[in-house]
């Protein structure tokens, strides 16, 4: 072993925490929610209409994102509003787009 690093203890806990956030993002509807929240807070009713799913499904997606620490919620009367906890999550989107762009270029080169 070159550097003596192992997936144990604190390193393992850190990687598991990262995986939890990435798993929370690993669904098209949840990615859409995060992208939409980058434009500002939204209530569940708005997100439900935008996604075209029932309230319980959207609420489950939001609960998962909240548990992972991606979003925060605030109840105002009968409505619950959501916003991003940390906008830097959007940097991840840019990285994913870069991977997709690069893969597209590779696919075009392979097809030639």
PDB file of N, CA and C in Angstrom:
ATOM      1  N   UNK A   1       0.852  -1.180   0.000  1.00  0.00           N
ATOM      2  CA  UNK A   1       0.000   0.000   0.000  1.00  0.00           C
ATOM      3  C   UNK A   1       0.895   1.238   0.000  1.00  0.00           C
ATOM      4  N   UNK A   2       0.612   2.143  -0.900  1.00  0.00           N
ATOM      5  CA  UNK A   2       1.479   3.288  -1.122  1.00  0.00           C
ATOM      6  C   UNK A   2       1.409   4.349  -0.022  1.00  0.00           C
ATOM      7  N   UNK A   3       0.196   4.829   0.317  1.00  0.00           N
ATOM      8  CA  UNK A   3       0.111   5.943   1.265  1.00  0.00           C
ATOM      9  C   UNK A   3      -0.438   5.549   2.629  1.00  0.00           C
ATOM     10  N   UNK A   4      -0.790   4.299   2.840  1.00  0.00           N
ATOM     11  CA  UNK A   4      -1.274   3.847   4.139  1.00  0.00           C
ATOM     12  C   UNK A   4      -2.699   4.252   4.466  1.00  0.00           C
ATOM     13  N   UNK A   5      -3.397   4.852   3.555  1.00  0.00           N
ATOM     14  CA  UNK A   5      -4.776   5.289   3.788  1.00  0.00           C
ATOM     15  C   UNK A   5      -5.726   4.119   3.654  1.00  0.00           C
ATOM     16  N   UNK A   6      -6.703   4.043   4.558  1.00  0.00           N
ATOM     17  CA  UNK A   6      -7.683   2.960   4.525  1.00  0.00           C
ATOM     18  C   UNK A   6      -9.091   3.522   4.722  1.00  0.00           C
ATOM     19  N   UNK A   7     -10.046   2.768   4.236  1.00  0.00           N
ATOM     20  CA  UNK A   7     -11.450   3.150   4.381  1.00  0.00           C
ATOM     21  C   UNK A   7     -11.956   2.637   5.729  1.00  0.00           C
ATOM     22  N   UNK A   8     -11.536   3.290   6.781  1.00  0.00           N
ATOM     23  CA  UNK A   8     -11.939   2.926   8.137  1.00  0.00           C
ATOM     24  C   UNK A   8     -12.133   4.195   8.955  1.00  0.00           C
ATOM     25  N   UNK A   9     -12.756   4.043  10.121  1.00  0.00           N
ATOM     26  CA  UNK A   9     -12.884   5.146  11.074  1.00  0.00           C
ATOM     27  C   UNK A   9     -13.481   6.399  10.499  1.00  0.00           C
ATOM     28  N   UNK A  10     -12.775   7.511  10.730  1.00  0.00           N
ATOM     29  CA  UNK A  10     -13.250   8.829  10.308  1.00  0.00           C
ATOM     30  C   UNK A  10     -13.370   8.929   8.787  1.00  0.00           C
ATOM     31  N   UNK A  11     -12.413   8.344   8.071  1.00  0.00           N
ATOM     32  CA  UNK A  11     -12.458   8.376   6.600  1.00  0.00           C
ATOM     33  C   UNK A  11     -13.717   7.680   6.103  1.00  0.00           C
ATOM     34  N   UNK A  12     -14.032   6.521   6.667  1.00  0.00           N
ATOM     35  CA  UNK A  12     -15.225   5.784   6.256  1.00  0.00           C
ATOM     36  C   UNK A  12     -16.491   6.577   6.577  1.00  0.00           C
ATOM     37  N   UNK A  13     -16.555   7.170   7.765  1.00  0.00           N
ATOM     38  CA  UNK A  13     -17.725   7.966   8.154  1.00  0.00           C
ATOM     39  C   UNK A  13     -17.912   9.148   7.208  1.00  0.00           C
ATOM     40  N   UNK A  14     -16.807   9.784   6.819  1.00  0.00           N
ATOM     41  CA  UNK A  14     -16.872  10.914   5.895  1.00  0.00           C
ATOM     42  C   UNK A  14     -17.384  10.474   4.527  1.00  0.00           C
ATOM     43  N   UNK A  15     -16.893   9.350   4.038  1.00  0.00           N
ATOM     44  CA  UNK A  15     -17.335   8.846   2.734  1.00  0.00           C
ATOM     45  C   UNK A  15     -18.807   8.422   2.783  1.00  0.00           C
ATOM     46  N   UNK A  16     -19.243   7.858   3.891  1.00  0.00           N
ATOM     47  CA  UNK A  16     -20.652   7.476   4.039  1.00  0.00           C
ATOM     48  C   UNK A  16     -21.549   8.714   4.051  1.00  0.00           C
ATOM     49  N   UNK A  17     -21.103   9.786   4.703  1.00  0.00           N
ATOM     50  CA  UNK A  17     -21.873  11.035   4.718  1.00  0.00           C
ATOM     51  C   UNK A  17     -21.971  11.617   3.308  1.00  0.00           C
ATOM     52  N   UNK A  18     -20.879  11.564   2.565  1.00  0.00           N
ATOM     53  CA  UNK A  18     -20.897  12.042   1.177  1.00  0.00           C
ATOM     54  C   UNK A  18     -21.852  11.204   0.334  1.00  0.00           C
ATOM     55  N   UNK A  19     -21.804   9.902   0.522  1.00  0.00           N
ATOM     56  CA  UNK A  19     -22.682   9.003  -0.235  1.00  0.00           C
ATOM     57  C   UNK A  19     -24.143   9.285   0.066  1.00  0.00           C
ATOM     58  N   UNK A  20     -24.453   9.624   1.313  1.00  0.00           N
ATOM     59  CA  UNK A  20     -25.840   9.933   1.691  1.00  0.00           C
ATOM     60  C   UNK A  20     -26.360  11.142   0.914  1.00  0.00           C
ATOM     61  N   UNK A  21     -25.527  12.163   0.797  1.00  0.00           N
ATOM     62  CA  UNK A  21     -25.929  13.355   0.034  1.00  0.00           C
ATOM     63  C   UNK A  21     -26.094  13.004  -1.439  1.00  0.00           C
ATOM     64  N   UNK A  22     -25.140  12.257  -1.976  1.00  0.00           N
ATOM     65  CA  UNK A  22     -25.223  11.899  -3.404  1.00  0.00           C
ATOM     66  C   UNK A  22     -26.423  11.004  -3.685  1.00  0.00           C
ATOM     67  N   UNK A  23     -26.740  10.085  -2.787  1.00  0.00           N
ATOM     68  CA  UNK A  23     -27.929   9.234  -2.962  1.00  0.00           C
ATOM     69  C   UNK A  23     -29.199  10.075  -2.930  1.00  0.00           C
ATOM     70  N   UNK A  24     -29.217  11.092  -2.071  1.00  0.00           N
ATOM     71  CA  UNK A  24     -30.392  11.955  -1.992  1.00  0.00           C
ATOM     72  C   UNK A  24     -30.623  12.691  -3.305  1.00  0.00           C
ATOM     73  N   UNK A  25     -29.557  12.980  -4.023  1.00  0.00           N
ATOM     74  CA  UNK A  25     -29.668  13.688  -5.300  1.00  0.00           C
ATOM     75  C   UNK A  25     -29.948  12.747  -6.472  1.00  0.00           C
ATOM     76  N   UNK A  26     -29.845  11.455  -6.241  1.00  0.00           N
ATOM     77  CA  UNK A  26     -29.860  10.466  -7.329  1.00  0.00           C
ATOM     78  C   UNK A  26     -31.261  10.097  -7.800  1.00  0.00           C
ATOM     79  N   UNK A  27     -32.041  11.096  -8.154  1.00  0.00           N
ATOM     80  CA  UNK A  27     -33.373  10.859  -8.726  1.00  0.00           C
ATOM     81  C   UNK A  27     -33.734  12.096  -9.557  1.00  0.00           C
ATOM     82  N   UNK A  28     -34.276  11.912 -10.749  1.00  0.00           N
ATOM     83  CA  UNK A  28     -34.594  13.069 -11.596  1.00  0.00           C
ATOM     84  C   UNK A  28     -35.495  14.110 -10.918  1.00  0.00           C
ATOM     85  N   UNK A  29     -36.486  13.670 -10.177  1.00  0.00           N
ATOM     86  CA  UNK A  29     -37.383  14.636  -9.517  1.00  0.00           C
ATOM     87  C   UNK A  29     -36.640  15.432  -8.452  1.00  0.00           C
ATOM     88  N   UNK A  30     -35.755  14.767  -7.705  1.00  0.00           N
ATOM     89  CA  UNK A  30     -35.005  15.478  -6.669  1.00  0.00           C
ATOM     90  C   UNK A  30     -33.978  16.431  -7.285  1.00  0.00           C
ATOM     91  N   UNK A  31     -33.379  16.029  -8.396  1.00  0.00           N
ATOM     92  CA  UNK A  31     -32.481  16.943  -9.094  1.00  0.00           C
ATOM     93  C   UNK A  31     -33.247  18.175  -9.588  1.00  0.00           C
ATOM     94  N   UNK A  32     -34.453  17.947 -10.094  1.00  0.00           N
ATOM     95  CA  UNK A  32     -35.292  19.057 -10.547  1.00  0.00           C
ATOM     96  C   UNK A  32     -35.620  19.978  -9.374  1.00  0.00           C
ATOM     97  N   UNK A  33     -35.968  19.399  -8.228  1.00  0.00           N
ATOM     98  CA  UNK A  33     -36.296  20.196  -7.040  1.00  0.00           C
ATOM     99  C   UNK A  33     -35.114  21.076  -6.654  1.00  0.00           C
ATOM    100  N   UNK A  34     -33.928  20.492  -6.577  1.00  0.00           N
ATOM    101  CA  UNK A  34     -32.738  21.266  -6.212  1.00  0.00           C
ATOM    102  C   UNK A  34     -32.485  22.366  -7.230  1.00  0.00           C
ATOM    103  N   UNK A  35     -32.599  22.042  -8.502  1.00  0.00           N
ATOM    104  CA  UNK A  35     -32.411  23.044  -9.545  1.00  0.00           C
ATOM    105  C   UNK A  35     -33.440  24.166  -9.400  1.00  0.00           C
ATOM    106  N   UNK A  36     -34.676  23.813  -9.144  1.00  0.00           N
ATOM    107  CA  UNK A  36     -35.726  24.819  -8.993  1.00  0.00           C
ATOM    108  C   UNK A  36     -35.493  25.670  -7.742  1.00  0.00           C
ATOM    109  N   UNK A  37     -35.053  25.061  -6.661  1.00  0.00           N
ATOM    110  CA  UNK A  37     -34.791  25.820  -5.434  1.00  0.00           C
ATOM    111  C   UNK A  37     -33.592  26.749  -5.579  1.00  0.00           C
ATOM    112  N   UNK A  38     -32.767  26.505  -6.587  1.00  0.00           N
ATOM    113  CA  UNK A  38     -31.653  27.424  -6.841  1.00  0.00           C
ATOM    114  C   UNK A  38     -32.175  28.782  -7.294  1.00  0.00           C
ATOM    115  N   UNK A  39     -33.411  28.818  -7.763  1.00  0.00           N
ATOM    116  CA  UNK A  39     -34.040  30.060  -8.226  1.00  0.00           C
ATOM    117  C   UNK A  39     -34.792  30.759  -7.099  1.00  0.00           C
ATOM    118  N   UNK A  40     -34.901  30.107  -5.949  1.00  0.00           N
ATOM    119  CA  UNK A  40     -35.592  30.695  -4.804  1.00  0.00           C
ATOM    120  C   UNK A  40     -36.458  29.670  -4.102  1.00  0.00           C
ATOM    121  N   UNK A  41     -36.937  30.039  -2.933  1.00  0.00           N
ATOM    122  CA  UNK A  41     -37.743  29.089  -2.172  1.00  0.00           C
ATOM    123  C   UNK A  41     -39.058  28.787  -2.886  1.00  0.00           C
ATOM    124  N   UNK A  42     -39.582  27.607  -2.612  1.00  0.00           N
ATOM    125  CA  UNK A  42     -40.843  27.163  -3.212  1.00  0.00           C
ATOM    126  C   UNK A  42     -41.647  26.419  -2.153  1.00  0.00           C
ATOM    127  N   UNK A  43     -42.964  26.506  -2.272  1.00  0.00           N
ATOM    128  CA  UNK A  43     -43.818  25.708  -1.395  1.00  0.00           C
ATOM    129  C   UNK A  43     -44.054  24.346  -2.048  1.00  0.00           C
ATOM    130  N   UNK A  44     -44.479  23.403  -1.226  1.00  0.00           N
ATOM    131  CA  UNK A  44     -44.733  22.052  -1.724  1.00  0.00           C
ATOM    132  C   UNK A  44     -45.748  22.082  -2.864  1.00  0.00           C
ATOM    133  N   UNK A  45     -46.764  22.917  -2.739  1.00  0.00           N
ATOM    134  CA  UNK A  45     -47.805  22.968  -3.778  1.00  0.00           C
ATOM    135  C   UNK A  45     -47.227  23.391  -5.127  1.00  0.00           C
ATOM    136  N   UNK A  46     -46.297  24.340  -5.140  1.00  0.00           N
ATOM    137  CA  UNK A  46     -45.669  24.766  -6.399  1.00  0.00           C
ATOM    138  C   UNK A  46     -44.841  23.635  -7.006  1.00  0.00           C
ATOM    139  N   UNK A  47     -44.051  22.979  -6.161  1.00  0.00           N
ATOM    140  CA  UNK A  47     -43.202  21.883  -6.650  1.00  0.00           C
ATOM    141  C   UNK A  47     -44.038  20.716  -7.152  1.00  0.00           C
ATOM    142  N   UNK A  48     -45.142  20.449  -6.478  1.00  0.00           N
ATOM    143  CA  UNK A  48     -46.035  19.361  -6.898  1.00  0.00           C
ATOM    144  C   UNK A  48     -46.566  19.618  -8.303  1.00  0.00           C
ATOM    145  N   UNK A  49     -46.987  20.844  -8.542  1.00  0.00           N
ATOM    146  CA  UNK A  49     -47.504  21.207  -9.864  1.00  0.00           C
ATOM    147  C   UNK A  49     -46.407  21.117 -10.928  1.00  0.00           C
ATOM    148  N   UNK A  50     -45.213  21.595 -10.599  1.00  0.00           N
ATOM    149  CA  UNK A  50     -44.104  21.597 -11.565  1.00  0.00           C
ATOM    150  C   UNK A  50     -43.660  20.182 -11.928  1.00  0.00           C
ATOM    151  N   UNK A  51     -43.638  19.302 -10.937  1.00  0.00           N
ATOM    152  CA  UNK A  51     -43.163  17.937 -11.155  1.00  0.00           C
ATOM    153  C   UNK A  51     -44.256  17.072 -11.775  1.00  0.00           C
ATOM    154  N   UNK A  52     -45.505  17.405 -11.467  1.00  0.00           N
ATOM    155  CA  UNK A  52     -46.614  16.613 -11.999  1.00  0.00           C
ATOM    156  C   UNK A  52     -46.829  15.328 -11.230  1.00  0.00           C
ATOM    157  N   UNK A  53     -46.516  15.353  -9.943  1.00  0.00           N
ATOM    158  CA  UNK A  53     -46.715  14.183  -9.077  1.00  0.00           C
ATOM    159  C   UNK A  53     -47.643  14.592  -7.941  1.00  0.00           C
ATOM    160  N   UNK A  54     -48.105  13.604  -7.188  1.00  0.00           N
ATOM    161  CA  UNK A  54     -48.994  13.920  -6.070  1.00  0.00           C
ATOM    162  C   UNK A  54     -48.183  14.479  -4.899  1.00  0.00           C
ATOM    163  N   UNK A  55     -48.883  15.141  -3.982  1.00  0.00           N
ATOM    164  CA  UNK A  55     -48.249  15.814  -2.848  1.00  0.00           C
ATOM    165  C   UNK A  55     -47.432  14.845  -2.005  1.00  0.00           C
ATOM    166  N   UNK A  56     -47.930  13.635  -1.772  1.00  0.00           N
ATOM    167  CA  UNK A  56     -47.203  12.696  -0.914  1.00  0.00           C
ATOM    168  C   UNK A  56     -45.866  12.287  -1.542  1.00  0.00           C
ATOM    169  N   UNK A  57     -45.837  12.122  -2.857  1.00  0.00           N
ATOM    170  CA  UNK A  57     -44.586  11.752  -3.531  1.00  0.00           C
ATOM    171  C   UNK A  57     -43.571  12.885  -3.436  1.00  0.00           C
ATOM    172  N   UNK A  58     -44.002  14.091  -3.709  1.00  0.00           N
ATOM    173  CA  UNK A  58     -43.101  15.243  -3.643  1.00  0.00           C
ATOM    174  C   UNK A  58     -42.636  15.454  -2.204  1.00  0.00           C
ATOM    175  N   UNK A  59     -43.522  15.276  -1.243  1.00  0.00           N
ATOM    176  CA  UNK A  59     -43.155  15.423   0.164  1.00  0.00           C
ATOM    177  C   UNK A  59     -42.103  14.399   0.576  1.00  0.00           C
ATOM    178  N   UNK A  60     -42.210  13.183   0.055  1.00  0.00           N
ATOM    179  CA  UNK A  60     -41.195  12.160   0.349  1.00  0.00           C
ATOM    180  C   UNK A  60     -39.845  12.554  -0.235  1.00  0.00           C
ATOM    181  N   UNK A  61     -39.850  13.067  -1.454  1.00  0.00           N
ATOM    182  CA  UNK A  61     -38.603  13.540  -2.061  1.00  0.00           C
ATOM    183  C   UNK A  61     -37.989  14.660  -1.210  1.00  0.00           C
ATOM    184  N   UNK A  62     -38.812  15.599  -0.791  1.00  0.00           N
ATOM    185  CA  UNK A  62     -38.326  16.719   0.015  1.00  0.00           C
ATOM    186  C   UNK A  62     -37.810  16.245   1.374  1.00  0.00           C
ATOM    187  N   UNK A  63     -38.491  15.274   1.973  1.00  0.00           N
ATOM    188  CA  UNK A  63     -38.043  14.738   3.264  1.00  0.00           C
ATOM    189  C   UNK A  63     -36.672  14.091   3.133  1.00  0.00           C
ATOM    190  N   UNK A  64     -36.462  13.371   2.048  1.00  0.00           N
ATOM    191  CA  UNK A  64     -35.166  12.740   1.823  1.00  0.00           C
ATOM    192  C   UNK A  64     -34.069  13.790   1.647  1.00  0.00           C
ATOM    193  N   UNK A  65     -34.355  14.823   0.880  1.00  0.00           N
ATOM    194  CA  UNK A  65     -33.392  15.909   0.690  1.00  0.00           C
ATOM    195  C   UNK A  65     -33.116  16.640   2.007  1.00  0.00           C
ATOM    196  N   UNK A  66     -34.138  16.789   2.829  1.00  0.00           N
ATOM    197  CA  UNK A  66     -33.968  17.458   4.127  1.00  0.00           C
ATOM    198  C   UNK A  66     -33.112  16.603   5.059  1.00  0.00           C
ATOM    199  N   UNK A  67     -33.392  15.311   5.120  1.00  0.00           N
ATOM    200  CA  UNK A  67     -32.624  14.401   5.965  1.00  0.00           C
ATOM    201  C   UNK A  67     -31.153  14.389   5.566  1.00  0.00           C
ATOM    202  N   UNK A  68     -30.888  14.502   4.275  1.00  0.00           N
ATOM    203  CA  UNK A  68     -29.508  14.510   3.778  1.00  0.00           C
ATOM    204  C   UNK A  68     -28.832  15.867   3.979  1.00  0.00           C
ATOM    205  N   UNK A  69     -29.597  16.873   4.407  1.00  0.00           N
ATOM    206  CA  UNK A  69     -29.020  18.186   4.661  1.00  0.00           C
ATOM    207  C   UNK A  69     -28.966  19.105   3.461  1.00  0.00           C
ATOM    208  N   UNK A  70     -29.672  18.752   2.405  1.00  0.00           N
ATOM    209  CA  UNK A  70     -29.625  19.541   1.174  1.00  0.00           C
ATOM    210  C   UNK A  70     -30.584  20.733   1.236  1.00  0.00           C
ATOM    211  N   UNK A  71     -31.753  20.541   1.853  1.00  0.00           N
ATOM    212  CA  UNK A  71     -32.755  21.613   1.921  1.00  0.00           C
ATOM    213  C   UNK A  71     -33.170  21.882   3.369  1.00  0.00           C
ATOM    214  N   UNK A  72     -33.734  23.068   3.550  1.00  0.00           N
ATOM    215  CA  UNK A  72     -34.345  23.467   4.817  1.00  0.00           C
ATOM    216  C   UNK A  72     -35.810  23.764   4.559  1.00  0.00           C
ATOM    217  N   UNK A  73     -36.641  23.596   5.573  1.00  0.00           N
ATOM    218  CA  UNK A  73     -38.058  23.915   5.412  1.00  0.00           C
ATOM    219  C   UNK A  73     -38.507  24.913   6.466  1.00  0.00           C
ATOM    220  N   UNK A  74     -39.597  25.605   6.148  1.00  0.00           N
ATOM    221  CA  UNK A  74     -40.189  26.571   7.066  1.00  0.00           C
ATOM    222  C   UNK A  74     -41.698  26.550   6.870  1.00  0.00           C
ATOM    223  N   UNK A  75     -42.406  26.277   7.955  1.00  0.00           N
ATOM    224  CA  UNK A  75     -43.871  26.261   7.906  1.00  0.00           C
ATOM    225  C   UNK A  75     -44.388  27.684   8.111  1.00  0.00           C
ATOM    226  N   UNK A  76     -45.317  28.065   7.210  1.00  0.00           N
ATOM    227  CA  UNK A  76     -46.005  29.357   7.312  1.00  0.00           C
ATOM    228  C   UNK A  76     -47.490  29.088   7.153  1.00  0.00           C
ATOM    229  N   UNK A  77     -48.161  29.037   8.258  1.00  0.00           N
ATOM    230  CA  UNK A  77     -49.584  28.685   8.234  1.00  0.00           C
ATOM    231  C   UNK A  77     -49.758  27.263   7.756  1.00  0.00           C
ATOM    232  N   UNK A  78     -50.541  27.085   6.707  1.00  0.00           N
ATOM    233  CA  UNK A  78     -50.789  25.762   6.144  1.00  0.00           C
ATOM    234  C   UNK A  78     -49.717  25.334   5.144  1.00  0.00           C
ATOM    235  N   UNK A  79     -48.878  26.264   4.716  1.00  0.00           N
ATOM    236  CA  UNK A  79     -47.878  25.999   3.675  1.00  0.00           C
ATOM    237  C   UNK A  79     -46.514  25.667   4.282  1.00  0.00           C
ATOM    238  N   UNK A  80     -45.767  24.810   3.595  1.00  0.00           N
ATOM    239  CA  UNK A  80     -44.380  24.542   3.958  1.00  0.00           C
ATOM    240  C   UNK A  80     -43.517  24.980   2.777  1.00  0.00           C
ATOM    241  N   UNK A  81     -42.547  25.837   3.063  1.00  0.00           N
ATOM    242  CA  UNK A  81     -41.643  26.354   2.042  1.00  0.00           C
ATOM    243  C   UNK A  81     -40.271  25.714   2.203  1.00  0.00           C
ATOM    244  N   UNK A  82     -39.633  25.443   1.077  1.00  0.00           N
ATOM    245  CA  UNK A  82     -38.306  24.827   1.075  1.00  0.00           C
ATOM    246  C   UNK A  82     -37.317  25.740   0.375  1.00  0.00           C
ATOM    247  N   UNK A  83     -36.060  25.672   0.839  1.00  0.00           N
ATOM    248  CA  UNK A  83     -34.967  26.399   0.207  1.00  0.00           C
ATOM    249  C   UNK A  83     -33.706  25.565   0.357  1.00  0.00           C
ATOM    250  N   UNK A  84     -32.711  25.868  -0.448  1.00  0.00           N
ATOM    251  CA  UNK A  84     -31.445  25.161  -0.365  1.00  0.00           C
ATOM    252  C   UNK A  84     -30.730  25.538   0.933  1.00  0.00           C
ATOM    253  N   UNK A  85     -30.148  24.551   1.582  1.00  0.00           N
ATOM    254  CA  UNK A  85     -29.352  24.828   2.784  1.00  0.00           C
ATOM    255  C   UNK A  85     -28.054  25.527   2.387  1.00  0.00           C
ATOM    256  N   UNK A  86     -27.394  25.000   1.375  1.00  0.00           N
ATOM    257  CA  UNK A  86     -26.144  25.595   0.892  1.00  0.00           C
ATOM    258  C   UNK A  86     -26.173  25.645  -0.641  1.00  0.00           C
ATOM    259  N   UNK A  87     -26.156  26.840  -1.204  1.00  0.00           N
ATOM    260  CA  UNK A  87     -26.222  26.964  -2.660  1.00  0.00           C
ATOM    261  C   UNK A  87     -25.050  26.302  -3.387  1.00  0.00           C
ATOM    262  N   UNK A  88     -23.953  26.023  -2.689  1.00  0.00           N
ATOM    263  CA  UNK A  88     -22.794  25.428  -3.362  1.00  0.00           C
ATOM    264  C   UNK A  88     -23.093  24.027  -3.896  1.00  0.00           C
ATOM    265  N   UNK A  89     -24.228  23.443  -3.505  1.00  0.00           N
ATOM    266  CA  UNK A  89     -24.616  22.140  -4.074  1.00  0.00           C
ATOM    267  C   UNK A  89     -24.729  22.256  -5.585  1.00  0.00           C
ATOM    268  N   UNK A  90     -24.987  23.457  -6.074  1.00  0.00           N
ATOM    269  CA  UNK A  90     -25.110  23.681  -7.520  1.00  0.00           C
ATOM    270  C   UNK A  90     -23.772  23.503  -8.241  1.00  0.00           C
ATOM    271  N   UNK A  91     -22.654  23.655  -7.525  1.00  0.00           N
ATOM    272  CA  UNK A  91     -21.337  23.399  -8.127  1.00  0.00           C
ATOM    273  C   UNK A  91     -21.259  21.951  -8.595  1.00  0.00           C
ATOM    274  N   UNK A  92     -21.909  21.071  -7.867  1.00  0.00           N
ATOM    275  CA  UNK A  92     -21.936  19.660  -8.234  1.00  0.00           C
ATOM    276  C   UNK A  92     -22.615  19.483  -9.590  1.00  0.00           C
ATOM    277  N   UNK A  93     -23.674  20.246  -9.828  1.00  0.00           N
ATOM    278  CA  UNK A  93     -24.367  20.176 -11.119  1.00  0.00           C
ATOM    279  C   UNK A  93     -23.415  20.541 -12.253  1.00  0.00           C
ATOM    280  N   UNK A  94     -22.619  21.577 -12.053  1.00  0.00           N
ATOM    281  CA  UNK A  94     -21.656  21.991 -13.068  1.00  0.00           C
ATOM    282  C   UNK A  94     -20.652  20.895 -13.361  1.00  0.00           C
ATOM    283  N   UNK A  95     -20.228  20.195 -12.325  1.00  0.00           N
ATOM    284  CA  UNK A  95     -19.286  19.090 -12.496  1.00  0.00           C
ATOM    285  C   UNK A  95     -19.941  17.946 -13.274  1.00  0.00           C
ATOM    286  N   UNK A  96     -21.173  17.628 -12.947  1.00  0.00           N
ATOM    287  CA  UNK A  96     -21.894  16.572 -13.663  1.00  0.00           C
ATOM    288  C   UNK A  96     -22.033  16.945 -15.132  1.00  0.00           C
ATOM    289  N   UNK A  97     -22.366  18.198 -15.409  1.00  0.00           N
ATOM    290  CA  UNK A  97     -22.489  18.649 -16.802  1.00  0.00           C
ATOM    291  C   UNK A  97     -21.164  18.514 -17.540  1.00  0.00           C
ATOM    292  N   UNK A  98     -20.053  18.813 -16.856  1.00  0.00           N
ATOM    293  CA  UNK A  98     -18.736  18.677 -17.475  1.00  0.00           C
ATOM    294  C   UNK A  98     -18.452  17.216 -17.833  1.00  0.00           C
ATOM    295  N   UNK A  99     -18.829  16.300 -16.941  1.00  0.00           N
ATOM    296  CA  UNK A  99     -18.658  14.864 -17.222  1.00  0.00           C
ATOM    297  C   UNK A  99     -19.503  14.474 -18.434  1.00  0.00           C
ATOM    298  N   UNK A 100     -20.757  14.913 -18.465  1.00  0.00           N
ATOM    299  CA  UNK A 100     -21.640  14.577 -19.587  1.00  0.00           C
ATOM    300  C   UNK A 100     -21.118  15.155 -20.898  1.00  0.00           C
ATOM    301  N   UNK A 101     -20.617  16.392 -20.846  1.00  0.00           N
ATOM    302  CA  UNK A 101     -20.047  17.005 -22.051  1.00  0.00           C
ATOM    303  C   UNK A 101     -18.850  16.197 -22.539  1.00  0.00           C
ATOM    304  N   UNK A 102     -17.986  15.826 -21.614  1.00  0.00           N
ATOM    305  CA  UNK A 102     -16.787  15.058 -21.973  1.00  0.00           C
ATOM    306  C   UNK A 102     -17.170  13.694 -22.535  1.00  0.00           C
ATOM    307  N   UNK A 103     -18.155  13.049 -21.929  1.00  0.00           N
ATOM    308  CA  UNK A 103     -18.606  11.750 -22.438  1.00  0.00           C
ATOM    309  C   UNK A 103     -19.191  11.893 -23.831  1.00  0.00           C
ATOM    310  N   UNK A 104     -19.900  13.001 -24.073  1.00  0.00           N
ATOM    311  CA  UNK A 104     -20.464  13.238 -25.396  1.00  0.00           C
ATOM    312  C   UNK A 104     -19.375  13.396 -26.431  1.00  0.00           C
ATOM    313  N   UNK A 105     -18.322  14.097 -26.065  1.00  0.00           N
ATOM    314  CA  UNK A 105     -17.197  14.260 -26.985  1.00  0.00           C
ATOM    315  C   UNK A 105     -16.535  12.912 -27.257  1.00  0.00           C
ATOM    316  N   UNK A 106     -16.382  12.108 -26.202  1.00  0.00           N
ATOM    317  CA  UNK A 106     -15.774  10.776 -26.377  1.00  0.00           C
ATOM    318  C   UNK A 106     -16.652   9.899 -27.257  1.00  0.00           C
ATOM    319  N   UNK A 107     -17.975   9.972 -27.051  1.00  0.00           N
ATOM    320  CA  UNK A 107     -18.898   9.178 -27.865  1.00  0.00           C
ATOM    321  C   UNK A 107     -18.818   9.601 -29.329  1.00  0.00           C
ATOM    322  N   UNK A 108     -18.685  10.906 -29.577  1.00  0.00           N
ATOM    323  CA  UNK A 108     -18.581  11.398 -30.954  1.00  0.00           C
ATOM    324  C   UNK A 108     -17.274  10.938 -31.590  1.00  0.00           C
ATOM    325  N   UNK A 109     -16.198  10.945 -30.814  1.00  0.00           N
ATOM    326  CA  UNK A 109     -14.905  10.494 -31.334  1.00  0.00           C
ATOM    327  C   UNK A 109     -14.942   9.005 -31.655  1.00  0.00           C
ATOM    328  N   UNK A 110     -15.571   8.213 -30.778  1.00  0.00           N
ATOM    329  CA  UNK A 110     -15.657   6.767 -30.997  1.00  0.00           C
ATOM    330  C   UNK A 110     -16.522   6.436 -32.206  1.00  0.00           C
ATOM    331  N   UNK A 111     -17.534   7.261 -32.464  1.00  0.00           N
ATOM    332  CA  UNK A 111     -18.449   7.012 -33.593  1.00  0.00           C
ATOM    333  C   UNK A 111     -17.809   7.370 -34.928  1.00  0.00           C
ATOM    334  N   UNK A 112     -16.760   8.198 -34.905  1.00  0.00           N
ATOM    335  CA  UNK A 112     -16.125   8.649 -36.158  1.00  0.00           C
ATOM    336  C   UNK A 112     -15.323   7.552 -36.815  1.00  0.00           C
TER     337      UNK A 112
END
